[in-house]
C-alpha atoms as a PDB file:
ATOM      1  CA  MET A   1       9.059   5.982  21.808  1.00  0.00           C
ATOM      2  CA  SER A   2      10.397   7.160  18.308  1.00  0.00           C
ATOM      3  CA  GLY A   3      13.289   6.106  15.780  1.00  0.00           C
ATOM      4  CA  SER A   4      14.617   2.849  14.985  1.00  0.00           C
ATOM      5  CA  GLY A   5      17.521   2.141  17.103  1.00  0.00           C
ATOM      6  CA  ALA A   6      21.198   2.438  16.777  1.00  0.00           C
ATOM      7  CA  ARG A   7      22.345   2.478  13.042  1.00  0.00           C
ATOM      8  CA  PRO A   8      24.251  -1.037  12.389  1.00  0.00           C
ATOM      9  CA  SER A   9      27.559  -0.777  11.362  1.00  0.00           C
ATOM     10  CA  ALA A  10      27.985  -0.280   7.628  1.00  0.00           C
ATOM     11  CA  THR A  11      31.319  -2.144   7.656  1.00  0.00           C
ATOM     12  CA  ALA A  12      29.428  -5.286   8.465  1.00  0.00           C
ATOM     13  CA  ASP A  13      28.060  -7.763   5.719  1.00  0.00           C
ATOM     14  CA  PRO A  14      24.651  -6.229   4.763  1.00  0.00           C
ATOM     15  CA  PHE A  15      21.510  -8.261   5.557  1.00  0.00           C
ATOM     16  CA  ILE A  16      20.227  -7.794   1.901  1.00  0.00           C
ATOM     17  CA  GLN A  17      22.497  -6.773  -1.026  1.00  0.00           C
ATOM     18  CA  VAL A  18      21.090  -5.870  -4.173  1.00  0.00           C
ATOM     19  CA  THR A  19      23.198  -5.393  -7.211  1.00  0.00           C
ATOM     20  CA  ASP A  20      22.207  -3.968 -10.805  1.00  0.00           C
ATOM     21  CA  LEU A  21      18.649  -5.297 -10.532  1.00  0.00           C
ATOM     22  CA  THR A  22      16.302  -4.796 -13.341  1.00  0.00           C
ATOM     23  CA  ILE A  23      12.682  -5.559 -12.653  1.00  0.00           C
ATOM     24  CA  GLY A  24       9.201  -5.147 -14.565  1.00  0.00           C
ATOM     25  CA  TRP A  25       6.392  -6.841 -16.248  1.00  0.00           C
ATOM     26  CA  GLY A  26       7.029  -8.623 -19.556  1.00  0.00           C
ATOM     27  CA  ASP A  27       8.555  -5.820 -21.667  1.00  0.00           C
ATOM     28  CA  VAL A  28       7.792  -3.191 -19.449  1.00  0.00           C
ATOM     29  CA  VAL A  29      10.648  -2.070 -17.187  1.00  0.00           C
ATOM     30  CA  LEU A  30       9.828  -0.575 -13.999  1.00  0.00           C
ATOM     31  CA  GLN A  31      13.369   0.007 -12.476  1.00  0.00           C
ATOM     32  CA  GLN A  32      16.669  -0.719 -14.031  1.00  0.00           C
ATOM     33  CA  ASN A  33      20.257  -1.409 -12.524  1.00  0.00           C
ATOM     34  CA  ALA A  34      19.041  -0.624  -9.070  1.00  0.00           C
ATOM     35  CA  THR A  35      21.826  -1.189  -6.303  1.00  0.00           C
ATOM     36  CA  PHE A  36      21.265  -0.847  -2.463  1.00  0.00           C
ATOM     37  CA  ARG A  37      21.897  -2.684   0.613  1.00  0.00           C
ATOM     38  CA  VAL A  38      20.151  -3.059   3.971  1.00  0.00           C
ATOM     39  CA  GLU A  39      22.208  -3.378   6.991  1.00  0.00           C
ATOM     40  CA  ARG A  40      21.257  -5.854   9.805  1.00  0.00           C
ATOM     41  CA  GLY A  41      19.015  -4.529  12.450  1.00  0.00           C
ATOM     42  CA  GLU A  42      17.615  -1.580  10.868  1.00  0.00           C
ATOM     43  CA  VAL A  43      14.363  -0.222   9.545  1.00  0.00           C
ATOM     44  CA  PHE A  44      14.705   0.480   5.879  1.00  0.00           C
ATOM     45  CA  ALA A  45      11.946   2.017   3.591  1.00  0.00           C
ATOM     46  CA  VAL A  46      11.419   1.789  -0.314  1.00  0.00           C
ATOM     47  CA  LEU A  47       9.640   4.942  -1.312  1.00  0.00           C
ATOM     48  CA  GLY A  48       8.397   6.648  -4.588  1.00  0.00           C
ATOM     49  CA  GLY A  49       5.319   7.912  -6.113  1.00  0.00           C
ATOM     50  CA  SER A  50       2.601   5.751  -7.604  1.00  0.00           C
ATOM     51  CA  GLY A  51       3.679   3.312 -10.427  1.00  0.00           C
ATOM     52  CA  CYS A  52       7.451   3.260  -9.808  1.00  0.00           C
ATOM     53  CA  GLY A  53       7.604  -0.007  -8.724  1.00  0.00           C
ATOM     54  CA  LYS A  54       7.772  -0.075  -4.983  1.00  0.00           C
ATOM     55  CA  SER A  55       5.484  -3.270  -4.108  1.00  0.00           C
ATOM     56  CA  THR A  56       6.830  -4.856  -7.409  1.00  0.00           C
ATOM     57  CA  LEU A  57      10.458  -4.715  -5.978  1.00  0.00           C
ATOM     58  CA  LEU A  58       9.222  -6.370  -2.761  1.00  0.00           C
ATOM     59  CA  ARG A  59       7.713  -9.256  -4.916  1.00  0.00           C
ATOM     60  CA  TYR A  60      11.396  -9.505  -6.305  1.00  0.00           C
ATOM     61  CA  LEU A  61      12.948  -9.469  -2.955  1.00  0.00           C
ATOM     62  CA  VAL A  62      10.859 -12.143  -1.382  1.00  0.00           C
ATOM     63  CA  GLY A  63      11.398 -14.363  -4.551  1.00  0.00           C
ATOM     64  CA  LEU A  64       7.738 -14.228  -6.206  1.00  0.00           C
ATOM     65  CA  GLU A  65       9.235 -12.929  -9.340  1.00  0.00           C
ATOM     66  CA  THR A  66      12.482 -13.622 -11.209  1.00  0.00           C
ATOM     67  CA  PRO A  67      14.546 -10.485 -12.064  1.00  0.00           C
ATOM     68  CA  HIS A  68      15.201  -9.414 -15.491  1.00  0.00           C
ATOM     69  CA  THR A  69      18.874  -8.851 -14.655  1.00  0.00           C
ATOM     70  CA  GLY A  70      20.834  -8.209 -11.468  1.00  0.00           C
ATOM     71  CA  GLU A  71      21.380 -10.204  -8.145  1.00  0.00           C
ATOM     72  CA  ILE A  72      19.614 -10.282  -4.606  1.00  0.00           C
ATOM     73  CA  LEU A  73      21.423 -11.834  -1.958  1.00  0.00           C
ATOM     74  CA  ILE A  74      19.679 -12.297   1.437  1.00  0.00           C
ATOM     75  CA  ASP A  75      22.277 -12.832   4.578  1.00  0.00           C
ATOM     76  CA  GLY A  76      24.839 -13.581   1.765  1.00  0.00           C
ATOM     77  CA  ILE A  77      22.576 -16.334  -0.172  1.00  0.00           C
ATOM     78  CA  GLY A  78      21.081 -16.005  -3.459  1.00  0.00           C
ATOM     79  CA  ARG A  79      17.512 -15.022  -3.621  1.00  0.00           C
ATOM     80  CA  PRO A  80      15.359 -17.902  -2.670  1.00  0.00           C
ATOM     81  CA  SER A  81      12.138 -19.002  -4.389  1.00  0.00           C
ATOM     82  CA  LEU A  82       9.289 -19.404  -2.035  1.00  0.00           C
ATOM     83  CA  GLU A  83       8.641 -22.759  -3.532  1.00  0.00           C
ATOM     84  CA  ALA A  84      12.169 -24.075  -2.679  1.00  0.00           C
ATOM     85  CA  GLY A  85      11.722 -24.343   1.015  1.00  0.00           C
ATOM     86  CA  ARG A  86      11.206 -22.382   4.061  1.00  0.00           C
ATOM     87  CA  PRO A  87      11.741 -18.725   3.575  1.00  0.00           C
ATOM     88  CA  PRO A  88      14.284 -16.940   5.684  1.00  0.00           C
ATOM     89  CA  PHE A  89      11.919 -14.132   6.173  1.00  0.00           C
ATOM     90  CA  GLY A  90       8.286 -13.261   7.152  1.00  0.00           C
ATOM     91  CA  VAL A  91       6.227 -10.989   4.664  1.00  0.00           C
ATOM     92  CA  MET A  92       2.887  -8.850   5.250  1.00  0.00           C
ATOM     93  CA  PHE A  93       1.393  -8.094   2.112  1.00  0.00           C
ATOM     94  CA  GLN A  94      -0.645  -4.818   1.754  1.00  0.00           C
ATOM     95  CA  SER A  95      -4.082  -6.100   2.219  1.00  0.00           C
ATOM     96  CA  GLY A  96      -3.047  -8.246   5.083  1.00  0.00           C
ATOM     97  CA  ALA A  97      -3.898 -11.127   2.683  1.00  0.00           C
ATOM     98  CA  LEU A  98      -5.577 -13.211   5.710  1.00  0.00           C
ATOM     99  CA  PHE A  99      -7.769 -16.266   4.644  1.00  0.00           C
ATOM    100  CA  GLY A 100     -11.209 -15.073   5.585  1.00  0.00           C
ATOM    101  CA  SER A 101     -12.540 -18.740   6.159  1.00  0.00           C
ATOM    102  CA  LEU A 102      -9.877 -19.461   8.944  1.00  0.00           C
ATOM    103  CA  THR A 103      -9.581 -17.843  12.217  1.00  0.00           C
ATOM    104  CA  VAL A 104      -6.904 -15.490  13.270  1.00  0.00           C
ATOM    105  CA  GLY A 105      -5.118 -18.209  15.144  1.00  0.00           C
ATOM    106  CA  GLU A 106      -5.345 -20.346  12.221  1.00  0.00           C
ATOM    107  CA  ASN A 107      -3.883 -17.908   9.905  1.00  0.00           C
ATOM    108  CA  VAL A 108      -0.957 -17.226  12.325  1.00  0.00           C
ATOM    109  CA  GLY A 109      -0.207 -20.861  12.621  1.00  0.00           C
ATOM    110  CA  LEU A 110      -0.319 -21.894   8.883  1.00  0.00           C
ATOM    111  CA  ALA A 111       3.473 -21.355   8.426  1.00  0.00           C
ATOM    112  CA  LEU A 112       4.248 -23.418  11.654  1.00  0.00           C
ATOM    113  CA  GLU A 113       1.995 -26.201  10.431  1.00  0.00           C
ATOM    114  CA  GLN A 114       3.451 -26.016   6.897  1.00  0.00           C
ATOM    115  CA  TRP A 115       7.263 -25.976   8.000  1.00  0.00           C
ATOM    116  CA  THR A 116       7.694 -27.438  11.196  1.00  0.00           C
ATOM    117  CA  ARG A 117       6.801 -30.676  12.676  1.00  0.00           C
ATOM    118  CA  LEU A 118       5.760 -29.307  16.111  1.00  0.00           C
ATOM    119  CA  PRO A 119       2.538 -30.849  17.871  1.00  0.00           C
ATOM    120  CA  TYR A 120      -0.521 -28.885  17.878  1.00  0.00           C
ATOM    121  CA  ASP A 121      -0.273 -28.031  21.435  1.00  0.00           C
ATOM    122  CA  ALA A 122       3.050 -26.161  20.799  1.00  0.00           C
ATOM    123  CA  ILE A 123       1.744 -24.416  17.645  1.00  0.00           C
ATOM    124  CA  ALA A 124      -1.331 -23.168  19.609  1.00  0.00           C
ATOM    125  CA  ALA A 125       1.052 -21.707  22.302  1.00  0.00           C
ATOM    126  CA  ILE A 126       3.176 -20.051  19.834  1.00  0.00           C
ATOM    127  CA  VAL A 127       0.233 -18.708  18.104  1.00  0.00           C
ATOM    128  CA  LEU A 128      -1.063 -17.013  21.376  1.00  0.00           C
ATOM    129  CA  ALA A 129       2.448 -15.663  21.887  1.00  0.00           C
ATOM    130  CA  LYS A 130       2.707 -13.952  18.736  1.00  0.00           C
ATOM    131  CA  LEU A 131      -0.813 -12.359  18.936  1.00  0.00           C
ATOM    132  CA  LYS A 132       0.152 -11.290  22.410  1.00  0.00           C
ATOM    133  CA  LEU A 133       3.131  -9.561  21.001  1.00  0.00           C
ATOM    134  CA  VAL A 134       1.367  -7.577  18.408  1.00  0.00           C
ATOM    135  CA  GLY A 135      -1.397  -6.736  21.017  1.00  0.00           C
ATOM    136  CA  LEU A 136      -3.979  -8.943  19.996  1.00  0.00           C
ATOM    137  CA  ASP A 137      -4.776 -10.995  23.198  1.00  0.00           C
ATOM    138  CA  GLY A 138      -7.849 -12.852  22.750  1.00  0.00           C
ATOM    139  CA  ALA A 139      -8.418 -12.517  19.149  1.00  0.00           C
ATOM    140  CA  ALA A 140      -7.169 -16.058  18.166  1.00  0.00           C
ATOM    141  CA  ASN A 141     -10.773 -17.452  17.689  1.00  0.00           C
ATOM    142  CA  LYS A 142     -12.088 -14.483  15.749  1.00  0.00           C
ATOM    143  CA  LEU A 143     -12.633 -14.329  11.953  1.00  0.00           C
ATOM    144  CA  PRO A 144     -10.519 -11.787  10.004  1.00  0.00           C
ATOM    145  CA  SER A 145     -14.154 -10.064   9.237  1.00  0.00           C
ATOM    146  CA  GLU A 146     -14.321  -9.338  12.877  1.00  0.00           C
ATOM    147  CA  LEU A 147     -11.235  -7.271  13.173  1.00  0.00           C
ATOM    148  CA  SER A 148     -10.779  -3.709  12.395  1.00  0.00           C
ATOM    149  CA  GLY A 149      -8.244  -2.599   9.641  1.00  0.00           C
ATOM    150  CA  GLY A 150      -5.435  -2.039  12.053  1.00  0.00           C
ATOM    151  CA  MET A 151      -6.083  -5.284  13.885  1.00  0.00           C
ATOM    152  CA  LYS A 152      -5.909  -7.067  10.528  1.00  0.00           C
ATOM    153  CA  LYS A 153      -2.315  -5.537  10.053  1.00  0.00           C
ATOM    154  CA  ARG A 154      -1.242  -6.811  13.413  1.00  0.00           C
ATOM    155  CA  ALA A 155      -2.614 -10.253  12.798  1.00  0.00           C
ATOM    156  CA  ALA A 156      -0.819 -10.284   9.426  1.00  0.00           C
ATOM    157  CA  ILE A 157       2.487  -9.261  11.275  1.00  0.00           C
ATOM    158  CA  ALA A 158       1.813 -11.861  13.922  1.00  0.00           C
ATOM    159  CA  ARG A 159       1.661 -14.451  10.955  1.00  0.00           C
ATOM    160  CA  ALA A 160       4.874 -13.003   9.390  1.00  0.00           C
ATOM    161  CA  MET A 161       6.953 -13.657  12.590  1.00  0.00           C
ATOM    162  CA  ALA A 162       5.485 -17.068  13.276  1.00  0.00           C
ATOM    163  CA  LEU A 163       8.805 -18.773  12.129  1.00  0.00           C
ATOM    164  CA  GLU A 164      11.006 -16.258  14.246  1.00  0.00           C
ATOM    165  CA  PRO A 165      12.558 -14.805  11.258  1.00  0.00           C
ATOM    166  CA  GLU A 166      15.487 -12.111  11.583  1.00  0.00           C
ATOM    167  CA  LEU A 167      13.937 -10.226   8.581  1.00  0.00           C
ATOM    168  CA  ILE A 168      10.457  -9.204   7.897  1.00  0.00           C
ATOM    169  CA  PHE A 169       8.906  -7.369   4.935  1.00  0.00           C
ATOM    170  CA  LEU A 170       5.935  -5.042   5.311  1.00  0.00           C
ATOM    171  CA  ASP A 171       3.999  -3.792   2.249  1.00  0.00           C
ATOM    172  CA  GLU A 172       2.008  -0.423   3.068  1.00  0.00           C
ATOM    173  CA  PRO A 173       1.683  -1.345   6.582  1.00  0.00           C
ATOM    174  CA  SER A 174      -0.337   2.133   7.257  1.00  0.00           C
ATOM    175  CA  ALA A 175      -2.388   2.114   4.327  1.00  0.00           C
ATOM    176  CA  GLY A 176      -6.053   2.543   4.870  1.00  0.00           C
ATOM    177  CA  LEU A 177      -5.586   3.147   8.479  1.00  0.00           C
ATOM    178  CA  ASP A 178      -6.787   6.277  10.476  1.00  0.00           C
ATOM    179  CA  PRO A 179      -4.156   8.367  11.924  1.00  0.00           C
ATOM    180  CA  VAL A 180      -4.478   6.763  15.621  1.00  0.00           C
ATOM    181  CA  SER A 181      -4.100   3.166  14.378  1.00  0.00           C
ATOM    182  CA  ALA A 182      -1.210   3.965  11.834  1.00  0.00           C
ATOM    183  CA  ALA A 183       0.755   5.651  14.958  1.00  0.00           C
ATOM    184  CA  GLU A 184       0.053   2.455  17.073  1.00  0.00           C
ATOM    185  CA  LEU A 185       1.307   0.311  14.118  1.00  0.00           C
ATOM    186  CA  ASP A 186       4.376   2.529  13.899  1.00  0.00           C
ATOM    187  CA  GLU A 187       5.076   2.027  17.529  1.00  0.00           C
ATOM    188  CA  LEU A 188       4.744  -1.812  17.136  1.00  0.00           C
ATOM    189  CA  ILE A 189       7.354  -2.006  14.405  1.00  0.00           C
ATOM    190  CA  ILE A 190       9.537   0.242  16.355  1.00  0.00           C
ATOM    191  CA  THR A 191       9.182  -2.319  19.425  1.00  0.00           C
ATOM    192  CA  LEU A 192       9.841  -5.334  17.054  1.00  0.00           C
ATOM    193  CA  ASN A 193      12.870  -3.585  15.607  1.00  0.00           C
ATOM    194  CA  GLN A 194      14.323  -2.651  19.169  1.00  0.00           C
ATOM    195  CA  VAL A 195      13.105  -5.138  21.354  1.00  0.00           C
ATOM    196  CA  LEU A 196      13.921  -8.384  19.097  1.00  0.00           C
ATOM    197  CA  GLY A 197      16.463  -7.060  16.864  1.00  0.00           C
ATOM    198  CA  LEU A 198      14.410  -7.509  13.701  1.00  0.00           C
ATOM    199  CA  THR A 199      15.380  -6.163  10.330  1.00  0.00           C
ATOM    200  CA  VAL A 200      12.349  -4.586   8.879  1.00  0.00           C
ATOM    201  CA  VAL A 201      12.038  -3.605   5.028  1.00  0.00           C
ATOM    202  CA  LEU A 202       8.766  -1.608   4.647  1.00  0.00           C
ATOM    203  CA  VAL A 203       7.299  -0.369   1.439  1.00  0.00           C
ATOM    204  CA  THR A 204       5.380   2.775   1.917  1.00  0.00           C
ATOM    205  CA  HIS A 205       4.476   6.437   0.967  1.00  0.00           C
ATOM    206  CA  GLU A 206       3.250   7.596   4.220  1.00  0.00           C
ATOM    207  CA  LEU A 207       5.576  10.400   5.332  1.00  0.00           C
ATOM    208  CA  PRO A 208       4.500  10.369   9.155  1.00  0.00           C
ATOM    209  CA  SER A 209       5.521   6.872   9.246  1.00  0.00           C
ATOM    210  CA  ILE A 210       8.774   7.165   7.284  1.00  0.00           C
ATOM    211  CA  PHE A 211      10.155   9.912   9.333  1.00  0.00           C
ATOM    212  CA  LYS A 212       9.114   8.155  12.717  1.00  0.00           C
ATOM    213  CA  ILE A 213      10.340   4.682  11.913  1.00  0.00           C
ATOM    214  CA  ALA A 214      12.791   4.624   9.079  1.00  0.00           C
ATOM    215  CA  LYS A 215      16.518   5.247   9.722  1.00  0.00           C
ATOM    216  CA  ARG A 216      17.349   4.828   5.986  1.00  0.00           C
ATOM    217  CA  CYS A 217      15.504   4.764   2.736  1.00  0.00           C
ATOM    218  CA  ILE A 218      15.778   4.528  -1.066  1.00  0.00           C
ATOM    219  CA  MET A 219      13.364   6.551  -3.191  1.00  0.00           C
ATOM    220  CA  LEU A 220      12.429   5.273  -6.692  1.00  0.00           C
ATOM    221  CA  ASP A 221      11.502   7.250  -9.643  1.00  0.00           C
ATOM    222  CA  LYS A 222       9.086   6.325 -12.262  1.00  0.00           C
ATOM    223  CA  GLU A 223      10.216   8.582 -14.999  1.00  0.00           C
ATOM    224  CA  THR A 224      13.956   7.566 -14.929  1.00  0.00           C
ATOM    225  CA  LYS A 225      13.286   4.026 -13.593  1.00  0.00           C
ATOM    226  CA  SER A 226      16.017   4.337 -11.257  1.00  0.00           C
ATOM    227  CA  ILE A 227      16.944   5.079  -7.577  1.00  0.00           C
ATOM    228  CA  ILE A 228      17.260   9.026  -7.192  1.00  0.00           C
ATOM    229  CA  ALA A 229      17.948   9.233  -3.364  1.00  0.00           C
ATOM    230  CA  THR A 230      19.326   6.962  -0.705  1.00  0.00           C
ATOM    231  CA  GLY A 231      19.536   8.000   2.978  1.00  0.00           C
ATOM    232  CA  ASP A 232      17.884   9.247   6.230  1.00  0.00           C
ATOM    233  CA  PRO A 233      14.419  10.582   5.200  1.00  0.00           C
ATOM    234  CA  SER A 234      14.953  13.601   7.443  1.00  0.00           C
ATOM    235  CA  GLU A 235      17.969  14.545   6.033  1.00  0.00           C
ATOM    236  CA  LEU A 236      16.767  13.845   2.459  1.00  0.00           C
ATOM    237  CA  ARG A 237      13.508  16.142   3.367  1.00  0.00           C
ATOM    238  CA  ASP A 238      15.947  19.156   4.768  1.00  0.00           C
ATOM    239  CA  GLY A 239      18.807  18.866   2.488  1.00  0.00           C
ATOM    240  CA  SER A 240      18.320  17.196  -0.928  1.00  0.00           C
ATOM    241  CA  ALA A 241      19.243  19.442  -3.849  1.00  0.00           C
ATOM    242  CA  ASP A 242      17.207  17.149  -6.023  1.00  0.00           C
ATOM    243  CA  PRO A 243      13.961  18.992  -6.659  1.00  0.00           C
ATOM    244  CA  ARG A 244      11.995  15.752  -6.988  1.00  0.00           C
ATOM    245  CA  VAL A 245      13.254  14.482  -3.925  1.00  0.00           C
ATOM    246  CA  HIS A 246      12.639  17.708  -2.090  1.00  0.00           C
ATOM    247  CA  ASP A 247       8.967  17.961  -3.245  1.00  0.00           C
ATOM    248  CA  PHE A 248       8.236  14.446  -2.351  1.00  0.00           C
ATOM    249  CA  PHE A 249       9.537  14.535   1.354  1.00  0.00           C
ATOM    250  CA  ASN A 250       7.974  18.148   1.748  1.00  0.00           C
ATOM    251  CA  ARG A 251       4.683  17.283   0.031  1.00  0.00           C
ATOM    252  CA  ILE A 252       5.055  20.044  -2.608  1.00  0.00           C
ATOM    253  CA  PRO A 253       2.880  19.528  -5.851  1.00  0.00           C
ATOM    254  CA  ARG A 254       4.989  19.153  -9.092  1.00  0.00           C
ATOM    255  CA  SER A 255       3.852  21.401 -12.002  1.00  0.00           C
ATOM    256  CA  GLY A 256       3.558  20.012 -15.564  1.00  0.00           C
END
């Protein structure tokens, strides 16, 4: 299985609309006047070299930071604060961010306990279903320290999906994984997209994963603090006239 399913219609309202967004830390601007859209039902990648602001952009998209300027709309609604109420999406952070003192099942059930009034038995059933969905049958009572790196990422994805969101954000899902585990995680993301119709936004620099699962992407540039490419990753690799884009997608070292 490969690819991320049929491309959604560009005429429909986008799931995410970002307009003239400027982000950074204090007086340091990482990206300025960024404008892009994520279509409903697609796998969309945020790419770029180290220090360009990929993971920082994700923090703004999920409401952990307030933009310097610009607007973020998710499903037509202004960017929510994660402190304001139940988030309309799930998030997997780069490290997995599992609580080491809790079992895997307890980690996955946290959002259900916080945002629903479901009884314990119902939460337990949902947790087991989510773990099965990501290939972690039998892991509910394990501690995160007992899991491999790939299994921790899967557990974090299960937690991100606990509240049945239509949209999930993944920060460097393949980072630190061996090639086989990374490929298996790619297949899981494809399955979630194709079978469940999830819209997936992932931050990554792993080219094999990008070409396999992402149908569209934006590429951020550290020097210009801007988006320098938008489109199908394979088309950008093969046809971009911008040497920065061409070199990135073809793994060509830049001199100077």
